[in-house]
Structure formats: C-alpha cells, structure tokens
Amino acid sequence: AADAIRVNGSYGMVGAGVNATSISQTRDAYYDLKYRK
C-alpha cells in the first residue's frame, strides 16, 4: 500500500493506492544447496 496521507478530517489518514516495489524470484537457497550436493 502506498504511504497514507494525513487529512484534517476526523478519520485522520487517507489511503493513497498501491505501489509495485520489485519483481523477485521464488527461489530457496536451501534447495539449491541440496540439489547441487
């Protein structure tokens, strides 16, 4: 979630949407080690 913005309303904070942070791999180093061994 994008950083919320403070407003003067009684509800205090408002959401700012969504941000894509990164594209990562679903890889486990343990299985790499096990496979290579």
All heavy atoms as atom14 arrays in JSON, in Angstrom:
{
  "sequence": "AADAIRVNGSYGMVGAGVNATSISQTRDAYYDLKYRK",
  "atom14_mask": [
    [1, 1, 1, 1, 1, 0, 0, 0, 0, 0, 0, 0, 0, 0],
    [1, 1, 1, 1, 1, 0, 0, 0, 0, 0, 0, 0, 0, 0],
    [1, 1, 1, 1, 1, 1, 1, 1, 0, 0, 0, 0, 0, 0],
    [1, 1, 1, 1, 1, 0, 0, 0, 0, 0, 0, 0, 0, 0],
    [1, 1, 1, 1, 1, 1, 1, 1, 0, 0, 0, 0, 0, 0],
    [1, 1, 1, 1, 1, 1, 1, 1, 1, 1, 1, 0, 0, 0],
    [1, 1, 1, 1, 1, 1, 1, 0, 0, 0, 0, 0, 0, 0],
    [1, 1, 1, 1, 1, 1, 1, 1, 0, 0, 0, 0, 0, 0],
    [1, 1, 1, 1, 0, 0, 0, 0, 0, 0, 0, 0, 0, 0],
    [1, 1, 1, 1, 1, 1, 0, 0, 0, 0, 0, 0, 0, 0],
    [1, 1, 1, 1, 1, 1, 1, 1, 1, 1, 1, 1, 0, 0],
    [1, 1, 1, 1, 0, 0, 0, 0, 0, 0, 0, 0, 0, 0],
    [1, 1, 1, 1, 1, 1, 1, 1, 0, 0, 0, 0, 0, 0],
    [1, 1, 1, 1, 1, 1, 1, 0, 0, 0, 0, 0, 0, 0],
    [1, 1, 1, 1, 0, 0, 0, 0, 0, 0, 0, 0, 0, 0],
    [1, 1, 1, 1, 1, 0, 0, 0, 0, 0, 0, 0, 0, 0],
    [1, 1, 1, 1, 0, 0, 0, 0, 0, 0, 0, 0, 0, 0],
    [1, 1, 1, 1, 1, 1, 1, 0, 0, 0, 0, 0, 0, 0],
    [1, 1, 1, 1, 1, 1, 1, 1, 0, 0, 0, 0, 0, 0],
    [1, 1, 1, 1, 1, 0, 0, 0, 0, 0, 0, 0, 0, 0],
    [1, 1, 1, 1, 1, 1, 1, 0, 0, 0, 0, 0, 0, 0],
    [1, 1, 1, 1, 1, 1, 0, 0, 0, 0, 0, 0, 0, 0],
    [1, 1, 1, 1, 1, 1, 1, 1, 0, 0, 0, 0, 0, 0],
    [1, 1, 1, 1, 1, 1, 0, 0, 0, 0, 0, 0, 0, 0],
    [1, 1, 1, 1, 1, 1, 1, 1, 1, 0, 0, 0, 0, 0],
    [1, 1, 1, 1, 1, 1, 1, 0, 0, 0, 0, 0, 0, 0],
    [1, 1, 1, 1, 1, 1, 1, 1, 1, 1, 1, 0, 0, 0],
    [1, 1, 1, 1, 1, 1, 1, 1, 0, 0, 0, 0, 0, 0],
    [1, 1, 1, 1, 1, 0, 0, 0, 0, 0, 0, 0, 0, 0],
    [1, 1, 1, 1, 1, 1, 1, 1, 1, 1, 1, 1, 0, 0],
    [1, 1, 1, 1, 1, 1, 1, 1, 1, 1, 1, 1, 0, 0],
    [1, 1, 1, 1, 1, 1, 1, 1, 0, 0, 0, 0, 0, 0],
    [1, 1, 1, 1, 1, 1, 1, 1, 0, 0, 0, 0, 0, 0],
    [1, 1, 1, 1, 1, 1, 1, 1, 1, 0, 0, 0, 0, 0],
    [1, 1, 1, 1, 1, 1, 1, 1, 1, 1, 1, 1, 0, 0],
    [1, 1, 1, 1, 1, 1, 1, 1, 1, 1, 1, 0, 0, 0],
    [1, 1, 1, 1, 1, 1, 1, 1, 1, 0, 0, 0, 0, 0]
  ],
  "atom14_positions": [
    [[0.84, -1.19, 0.0], [0.0, 0.0, 0.0], [0.88, 1.24, 0.0], [1.9, 1.3, 0.69], [-0.92, 0.0, 1.21], [0.0, 0.0, 0.0], [0.0, 0.0, 0.0], [0.0, 0.0, 0.0], [0.0, 0.0, 0.0], [0.0, 0.0, 0.0], [0.0, 0.0, 0.0], [0.0, 0.0, 0.0], [0.0, 0.0, 0.0], [0.0, 0.0, 0.0]],
    [[0.47, 2.23, -0.81], [1.21, 3.49, -0.84], [1.07, 4.2, 0.5], [0.14, 3.94, 1.28], [0.68, 4.38, -1.97], [0.0, 0.0, 0.0], [0.0, 0.0, 0.0], [0.0, 0.0, 0.0], [0.0, 0.0, 0.0], [0.0, 0.0, 0.0], [0.0, 0.0, 0.0], [0.0, 0.0, 0.0], [0.0, 0.0, 0.0], [0.0, 0.0, 0.0]],
    [[2.03, 5.06, 0.81], [2.01, 5.77, 2.09], [0.73, 6.61, 2.21], [0.38, 7.37, 1.29], [3.23, 6.68, 2.2], [4.53, 5.89, 2.26], [4.47, 4.71, 2.66], [5.59, 6.45, 1.91], [0.0, 0.0, 0.0], [0.0, 0.0, 0.0], [0.0, 0.0, 0.0], [0.0, 0.0, 0.0], [0.0, 0.0, 0.0], [0.0, 0.0, 0.0]],
    [[0.05, 6.44, 3.29], [-1.19, 7.19, 3.53], [-0.9, 8.67, 3.74], [0.21, 9.07, 4.11], [-1.91, 6.61, 4.75], [0.0, 0.0, 0.0], [0.0, 0.0, 0.0], [0.0, 0.0, 0.0], [0.0, 0.0, 0.0], [0.0, 0.0, 0.0], [0.0, 0.0, 0.0], [0.0, 0.0, 0.0], [0.0, 0.0, 0.0], [0.0, 0.0, 0.0]],
    [[-1.9, 9.49, 3.5], [-1.77, 10.95, 3.63], [-2.66, 11.43, 4.77], [-3.83, 11.04, 4.89], [-2.17, 11.64, 2.31], [-1.24, 11.19, 1.18], [-2.13, 13.17, 2.46], [-1.65, 11.76, -0.17], [0.0, 0.0, 0.0], [0.0, 0.0, 0.0], [0.0, 0.0, 0.0], [0.0, 0.0, 0.0], [0.0, 0.0, 0.0], [0.0, 0.0, 0.0]],
    [[-2.08, 12.29, 5.63], [-2.85, 12.84, 6.75], [-3.8, 13.93, 6.22], [-3.42, 14.76, 5.39], [-1.93, 13.44, 7.8], [-2.68, 14.06, 8.99], [-1.71, 14.57, 10.02], [-0.99, 13.47, 10.62], [-1.46, 12.71, 11.62], [-2.69, 12.94, 12.09], [-0.75, 11.75, 12.13], [0.0, 0.0, 0.0], [0.0, 0.0, 0.0], [0.0, 0.0, 0.0]],
    [[-5.02, 13.89, 6.69], [-6.02, 14.9, 6.3], [-6.58, 15.55, 7.57], [-6.38, 15.06, 8.68], [-7.15, 14.26, 5.49], [-6.64, 13.73, 4.17], [-7.86, 13.16, 6.28], [0.0, 0.0, 0.0], [0.0, 0.0, 0.0], [0.0, 0.0, 0.0], [0.0, 0.0, 0.0], [0.0, 0.0, 0.0], [0.0, 0.0, 0.0], [0.0, 0.0, 0.0]],
    [[-7.29, 16.64, 7.35], [-7.84, 17.35, 8.5], [-9.17, 16.78, 8.99], [-9.74, 17.27, 9.95], [-8.03, 18.84, 8.16], [-6.69, 19.53, 7.94], [-5.71, 19.17, 8.6], [-6.66, 20.52, 7.05], [0.0, 0.0, 0.0], [0.0, 0.0, 0.0], [0.0, 0.0, 0.0], [0.0, 0.0, 0.0], [0.0, 0.0, 0.0], [0.0, 0.0, 0.0]],
    [[-9.62, 15.77, 8.25], [-10.89, 15.17, 8.64], [-10.75, 14.36, 9.92], [-9.67, 14.05, 10.4], [0.0, 0.0, 0.0], [0.0, 0.0, 0.0], [0.0, 0.0, 0.0], [0.0, 0.0, 0.0], [0.0, 0.0, 0.0], [0.0, 0.0, 0.0], [0.0, 0.0, 0.0], [0.0, 0.0, 0.0], [0.0, 0.0, 0.0], [0.0, 0.0, 0.0]],
    [[-11.91, 14.0, 10.45], [-11.91, 13.26, 11.71], [-11.31, 11.87, 11.58], [-10.88, 11.27, 12.56], [-13.35, 13.16, 12.24], [-14.18, 12.49, 11.3], [0.0, 0.0, 0.0], [0.0, 0.0, 0.0], [0.0, 0.0, 0.0], [0.0, 0.0, 0.0], [0.0, 0.0, 0.0], [0.0, 0.0, 0.0], [0.0, 0.0, 0.0], [0.0, 0.0, 0.0]],
    [[-11.3, 11.35, 10.35], [-10.76, 10.0, 10.17], [-9.24, 9.99, 10.12], [-8.63, 8.94, 10.1], [-11.35, 9.35, 8.9], [-11.35, 10.22, 7.67], [-10.23, 10.31, 6.86], [-12.49, 10.96, 7.34], [-10.26, 11.12, 5.74], [-12.53, 11.77, 6.23], [-11.39, 11.85, 5.41], [-11.4, 12.64, 4.3], [0.0, 0.0, 0.0], [0.0, 0.0, 0.0]],
    [[-8.57, 11.11, 10.02], [-7.14, 11.24, 10.23], [-6.24, 10.96, 9.03], [-5.46, 11.82, 8.63], [0.0, 0.0, 0.0], [0.0, 0.0, 0.0], [0.0, 0.0, 0.0], [0.0, 0.0, 0.0], [0.0, 0.0, 0.0], [0.0, 0.0, 0.0], [0.0, 0.0, 0.0], [0.0, 0.0, 0.0], [0.0, 0.0, 0.0], [0.0, 0.0, 0.0]],
    [[-6.31, 9.75, 8.43], [-5.4, 9.35, 7.34], [-6.24, 8.82, 6.18], [-7.29, 8.2, 6.39], [-4.44, 8.27, 7.79], [-3.58, 8.62, 8.99], [-2.24, 9.76, 8.61], [-1.14, 8.69, 7.72], [0.0, 0.0, 0.0], [0.0, 0.0, 0.0], [0.0, 0.0, 0.0], [0.0, 0.0, 0.0], [0.0, 0.0, 0.0], [0.0, 0.0, 0.0]],
    [[-5.74, 9.03, 4.93], [-6.44, 8.52, 3.76], [-5.46, 7.69, 2.92], [-4.3, 8.05, 2.76], [-7.04, 9.65, 2.92], [-5.97, 10.58, 2.37], [-7.9, 9.09, 1.79], [0.0, 0.0, 0.0], [0.0, 0.0, 0.0], [0.0, 0.0, 0.0], [0.0, 0.0, 0.0], [0.0, 0.0, 0.0], [0.0, 0.0, 0.0], [0.0, 0.0, 0.0]],
    [[-5.94, 6.56, 2.43], [-5.08, 5.7, 1.62], [-4.71, 6.33, 0.3], [-5.5, 7.07, -0.29], [0.0, 0.0, 0.0], [0.0, 0.0, 0.0], [0.0, 0.0, 0.0], [0.0, 0.0, 0.0], [0.0, 0.0, 0.0], [0.0, 0.0, 0.0], [0.0, 0.0, 0.0], [0.0, 0.0, 0.0], [0.0, 0.0, 0.0], [0.0, 0.0, 0.0]],
    [[-3.5, 5.97, -0.21], [-3.01, 6.59, -1.44], [-2.87, 5.59, -2.58], [-2.21, 5.86, -3.57], [-1.66, 7.27, -1.18], [0.0, 0.0, 0.0], [0.0, 0.0, 0.0], [0.0, 0.0, 0.0], [0.0, 0.0, 0.0], [0.0, 0.0, 0.0], [0.0, 0.0, 0.0], [0.0, 0.0, 0.0], [0.0, 0.0, 0.0], [0.0, 0.0, 0.0]],
    [[-3.45, 4.42, -2.43], [-3.38, 3.45, -3.52], [-2.34, 2.37, -3.27], [-2.08, 2.0, -2.12], [0.0, 0.0, 0.0], [0.0, 0.0, 0.0], [0.0, 0.0, 0.0], [0.0, 0.0, 0.0], [0.0, 0.0, 0.0], [0.0, 0.0, 0.0], [0.0, 0.0, 0.0], [0.0, 0.0, 0.0], [0.0, 0.0, 0.0], [0.0, 0.0, 0.0]],
    [[-1.73, 1.86, -4.35], [-0.8, 0.73, -4.26], [0.47, 1.05, -5.06], [0.42, 1.76, -6.07], [-1.46, -0.56, -4.79], [-1.82, -0.44, -6.25], [-0.57, -1.77, -4.55], [0.0, 0.0, 0.0], [0.0, 0.0, 0.0], [0.0, 0.0, 0.0], [0.0, 0.0, 0.0], [0.0, 0.0, 0.0], [0.0, 0.0, 0.0], [0.0, 0.0, 0.0]],
    [[1.58, 0.52, -4.58], [2.86, 0.67, -5.29], [3.47, -0.7, -5.57], [3.44, -1.59, -4.7], [3.86, 1.49, -4.47], [3.5, 2.96, -4.44], [2.87, 3.48, -5.36], [3.89, 3.63, -3.37], [0.0, 0.0, 0.0], [0.0, 0.0, 0.0], [0.0, 0.0, 0.0], [0.0, 0.0, 0.0], [0.0, 0.0, 0.0], [0.0, 0.0, 0.0]],
    [[4.03, -0.9, -6.77], [4.81, -2.1, -7.09], [6.25, -1.84, -6.65], [6.89, -0.9, -7.14], [4.76, -2.41, -8.57], [0.0, 0.0, 0.0], [0.0, 0.0, 0.0], [0.0, 0.0, 0.0], [0.0, 0.0, 0.0], [0.0, 0.0, 0.0], [0.0, 0.0, 0.0], [0.0, 0.0, 0.0], [0.0, 0.0, 0.0], [0.0, 0.0, 0.0]],
    [[6.75, -2.63, -5.71], [8.08, -2.37, -5.14], [9.2, -3.08, -5.89], [10.29, -2.53, -6.07], [8.12, -2.8, -3.68], [7.77, -4.2, -3.58], [7.14, -1.97, -2.86], [0.0, 0.0, 0.0], [0.0, 0.0, 0.0], [0.0, 0.0, 0.0], [0.0, 0.0, 0.0], [0.0, 0.0, 0.0], [0.0, 0.0, 0.0], [0.0, 0.0, 0.0]],
    [[8.95, -4.32, -6.35], [10.01, -5.06, -7.03], [9.42, -6.32, -7.65], [8.3, -6.73, -7.33], [11.14, -5.44, -6.07], [10.66, -6.34, -5.07], [0.0, 0.0, 0.0], [0.0, 0.0, 0.0], [0.0, 0.0, 0.0], [0.0, 0.0, 0.0], [0.0, 0.0, 0.0], [0.0, 0.0, 0.0], [0.0, 0.0, 0.0], [0.0, 0.0, 0.0]],
    [[10.2, -6.91, -8.53], [9.88, -8.24, -9.07], [10.98, -9.19, -8.59], [12.16, -9.01, -8.91], [9.81, -8.23, -10.6], [8.7, -7.3, -11.09], [9.58, -9.65, -11.14], [8.64, -7.15, -12.59], [0.0, 0.0, 0.0], [0.0, 0.0, 0.0], [0.0, 0.0, 0.0], [0.0, 0.0, 0.0], [0.0, 0.0, 0.0], [0.0, 0.0, 0.0]],
    [[10.59, -10.17, -7.81], [11.58, -11.08, -7.21], [11.32, -12.52, -7.63], [10.28, -12.84, -8.22], [11.55, -10.96, -5.68], [10.28, -11.34, -5.19], [0.0, 0.0, 0.0], [0.0, 0.0, 0.0], [0.0, 0.0, 0.0], [0.0, 0.0, 0.0], [0.0, 0.0, 0.0], [0.0, 0.0, 0.0], [0.0, 0.0, 0.0], [0.0, 0.0, 0.0]],
    [[12.3, -13.38, -7.33], [12.21, -14.79, -7.66], [11.76, -15.6, -6.45], [12.15, -15.3, -5.32], [13.57, -15.31, -8.13], [14.08, -14.67, -9.41], [15.47, -15.17, -9.76], [16.39, -15.12, -8.95], [15.64, -15.65, -10.99], [0.0, 0.0, 0.0], [0.0, 0.0, 0.0], [0.0, 0.0, 0.0], [0.0, 0.0, 0.0], [0.0, 0.0, 0.0]],
    [[10.97, -16.63, -6.7], [10.55, -17.53, -5.63], [11.56, -18.68, -5.56], [11.29, -19.8, -5.99], [9.14, -18.08, -5.88], [9.13, -18.76, -7.15], [8.12, -16.97, -5.9], [0.0, 0.0, 0.0], [0.0, 0.0, 0.0], [0.0, 0.0, 0.0], [0.0, 0.0, 0.0], [0.0, 0.0, 0.0], [0.0, 0.0, 0.0], [0.0, 0.0, 0.0]],
    [[12.73, -18.38, -5.03], [13.83, -19.36, -5.01], [14.28, -19.56, -3.57], [14.34, -18.62, -2.79], [14.99, -18.85, -5.87], [15.98, -19.94, -6.26], [17.03, -19.43, -7.23], [17.83, -20.53, -7.73], [17.64, -21.13, -8.88], [16.66, -20.72, -9.67], [18.4, -22.13, -9.26], [0.0, 0.0, 0.0], [0.0, 0.0, 0.0], [0.0, 0.0, 0.0]],
    [[14.61, -20.83, -3.24], [15.05, -21.18, -1.9], [16.5, -21.66, -1.97], [16.8, -22.67, -2.62], [14.16, -22.29, -1.34], [14.38, -22.51, 0.16], [15.53, -22.35, 0.61], [13.42, -22.86, 0.86], [0.0, 0.0, 0.0], [0.0, 0.0, 0.0], [0.0, 0.0, 0.0], [0.0, 0.0, 0.0], [0.0, 0.0, 0.0], [0.0, 0.0, 0.0]],
    [[17.41, -20.94, -1.31], [18.84, -21.28, -1.35], [19.1, -22.67, -0.76], [20.05, -23.35, -1.17], [19.65, -20.23, -0.59], [0.0, 0.0, 0.0], [0.0, 0.0, 0.0], [0.0, 0.0, 0.0], [0.0, 0.0, 0.0], [0.0, 0.0, 0.0], [0.0, 0.0, 0.0], [0.0, 0.0, 0.0], [0.0, 0.0, 0.0], [0.0, 0.0, 0.0]],
    [[18.27, -23.09, 0.18], [18.45, -24.42, 0.78], [18.3, -25.52, -0.27], [19.11, -26.46, -0.32], [17.43, -24.63, 1.9], [17.37, -26.06, 2.39], [18.37, -26.6, 3.18], [16.3, -26.88, 2.03], [18.32, -27.91, 3.62], [16.23, -28.2, 2.46], [17.25, -28.71, 3.25], [17.19, -30.01, 3.67], [0.0, 0.0, 0.0], [0.0, 0.0, 0.0]],
    [[17.29, -25.4, -1.12], [17.09, -26.42, -2.16], [18.16, -26.35, -3.24], [18.52, -27.37, -3.83], [15.7, -26.28, -2.77], [14.6, -26.78, -1.86], [13.58, -25.95, -1.4], [14.58, -28.11, -1.44], [12.58, -26.41, -0.57], [13.59, -28.59, -0.6], [12.59, -27.74, -0.17], [11.61, -28.21, 0.67], [0.0, 0.0, 0.0], [0.0, 0.0, 0.0]],
    [[18.7, -25.15, -3.48], [19.82, -25.05, -4.41], [21.02, -25.82, -3.87], [21.67, -26.58, -4.59], [20.21, -23.58, -4.63], [19.23, -22.84, -5.52], [18.49, -23.52, -6.26], [19.2, -21.61, -5.47], [0.0, 0.0, 0.0], [0.0, 0.0, 0.0], [0.0, 0.0, 0.0], [0.0, 0.0, 0.0], [0.0, 0.0, 0.0], [0.0, 0.0, 0.0]],
    [[21.31, -25.61, -2.6], [22.43, -26.31, -1.96], [22.22, -27.82, -1.98], [23.12, -28.6, -2.31], [22.59, -25.81, -0.53], [23.66, -26.5, 0.33], [25.05, -26.22, -0.23], [23.57, -26.01, 1.78], [0.0, 0.0, 0.0], [0.0, 0.0, 0.0], [0.0, 0.0, 0.0], [0.0, 0.0, 0.0], [0.0, 0.0, 0.0], [0.0, 0.0, 0.0]],
    [[21.0, -28.23, -1.65], [20.67, -29.65, -1.6], [20.75, -30.28, -2.99], [21.27, -31.4, -3.15], [19.26, -29.81, -1.02], [18.9, -31.22, -0.6], [17.55, -31.22, 0.11], [17.17, -32.63, 0.55], [15.86, -32.66, 1.23], [0.0, 0.0, 0.0], [0.0, 0.0, 0.0], [0.0, 0.0, 0.0], [0.0, 0.0, 0.0], [0.0, 0.0, 0.0]],
    [[20.25, -29.56, -3.98], [20.28, -30.08, -5.35], [21.71, -30.25, -5.83], [22.07, -31.29, -6.42], [19.52, -29.14, -6.28], [19.61, -29.54, -7.74], [18.78, -30.52, -8.27], [20.55, -28.94, -8.57], [18.88, -30.9, -9.6], [20.66, -29.31, -9.9], [19.82, -30.28, -10.41], [19.94, -30.66, -11.73], [0.0, 0.0, 0.0], [0.0, 0.0, 0.0]],
    [[22.54, -29.26, -5.62], [23.92, -29.32, -6.12], [24.75, -30.37, -5.42], [25.61, -31.0, -6.02], [24.56, -27.93, -6.01], [23.97, -26.94, -7.01], [24.22, -25.5, -6.66], [23.5, -24.61, -7.59], [23.3, -23.33, -7.39], [23.77, -22.75, -6.29], [22.63, -22.61, -8.27], [0.0, 0.0, 0.0], [0.0, 0.0, 0.0], [0.0, 0.0, 0.0]],
    [[24.5, -30.57, -4.16], [25.19, -31.63, -3.43], [24.83, -32.99, -3.99], [25.69, -33.85, -4.22], [24.84, -31.55, -1.94], [25.54, -32.6, -1.1], [25.17, -32.46, 0.37], [25.86, -33.53, 1.22], [25.5, -33.41, 2.65], [0.0, 0.0, 0.0], [0.0, 0.0, 0.0], [0.0, 0.0, 0.0], [0.0, 0.0, 0.0], [0.0, 0.0, 0.0]]
  ]
}
